[in-house]
Amino acid sequence: LSLFLLIPPACDDDGDSNNTNNTNNVNNTNNVNNTNNVNNTNNETCGDNSISGDEVCDGTDLAGTTCESLGFTSGTLLCRTDCSGFDTEACEGTVGPYGFDYRTPSTRTLTCETFDGTPFEIDYPDVDYVCTFEYQGVSGYIYFQATPVDCVTIMNETPIYETSGWISIDGEVTPLTDPDYDFGGNHNNDFFSFLSGETHYNYYHSSFGFGWRKCQPMDCIQILSETGEIIEDGCTTERTLPITCSRVDTDGTFEPLVDTFELCPGDPNAK
């Protein structure tokens, strides 16, 4: 009886495609350390310089965000290697409370028209606010700058604003999507809306006094549908989604964000 031993051929030491350094080895582009690895929160796409999925940024694709838009004075913004957020180490400038860089509000001179079309000049101040943010267990801060850029006359002349805004969550500041401050008509019952994540928010008022006029800054949140309908109203009398806002003064400072809400004098719900 003969026994045959099958001995596999030895691998050679050349640089071909089957050795331990080839494109299928543990150091290649498919290994556990590469841009498609299991440690990457967006492991299928992070590193391709194109934002997708849950990525905040991706390589050179910063979605138009800059050091300046995050509140710094200058510098070069980078994306984190896992695409989960921005790397601001190369940004320059000192930010203020809650991570925002606050401007000093100014007064703008606009040209408006009377009902018969006669132009006239009128001054409007910038409207900048710092507010708290609190929804579904997520807490943070909002800062927006509303600059008057135009004027329309309905019952009275009313300014139209160009708005920029930022949100700070856990110390990380990111620009808001579609921030929009509205003067609030003849009674100046102003509101501020924005998109964060997949949710549309509207900062508004939960109490109105004599003549249906607000008596304090925005104090509550409404959740809106994509078409603007209220789907969760935190601005009822119960004020179920409270927030606190403080207007930025002409010297760039603001009062502490302490909730001092009270029903307005003349509010029919006031006792």
Foldseek 3Di string as FASTA:
>chain_A
DDDDDDDDDDDDDDDDQPDCPHCPHCPHCPHQPHQLHPVAPVNPDAAPQDDDDQFCGHFPGNVPDALVLQAADDFGKGADSSRNGIDCPGTHHDADPQRHNFDQKDKDWEWEADPVGHIDIDIDIKWWKKKWDDDPHFTWIKIKIWDFDYWYADPHIATATDMWMWIHGPSGIDTWAPWGWGQCPPQSQIKIWTDDDNWIKIFGAQAAAPPRHDDFPGWAIFTADPVGHTPRDCSHNVNNGTMFMWIQHNVRDTDDRDDPDDHDHHGPPHD
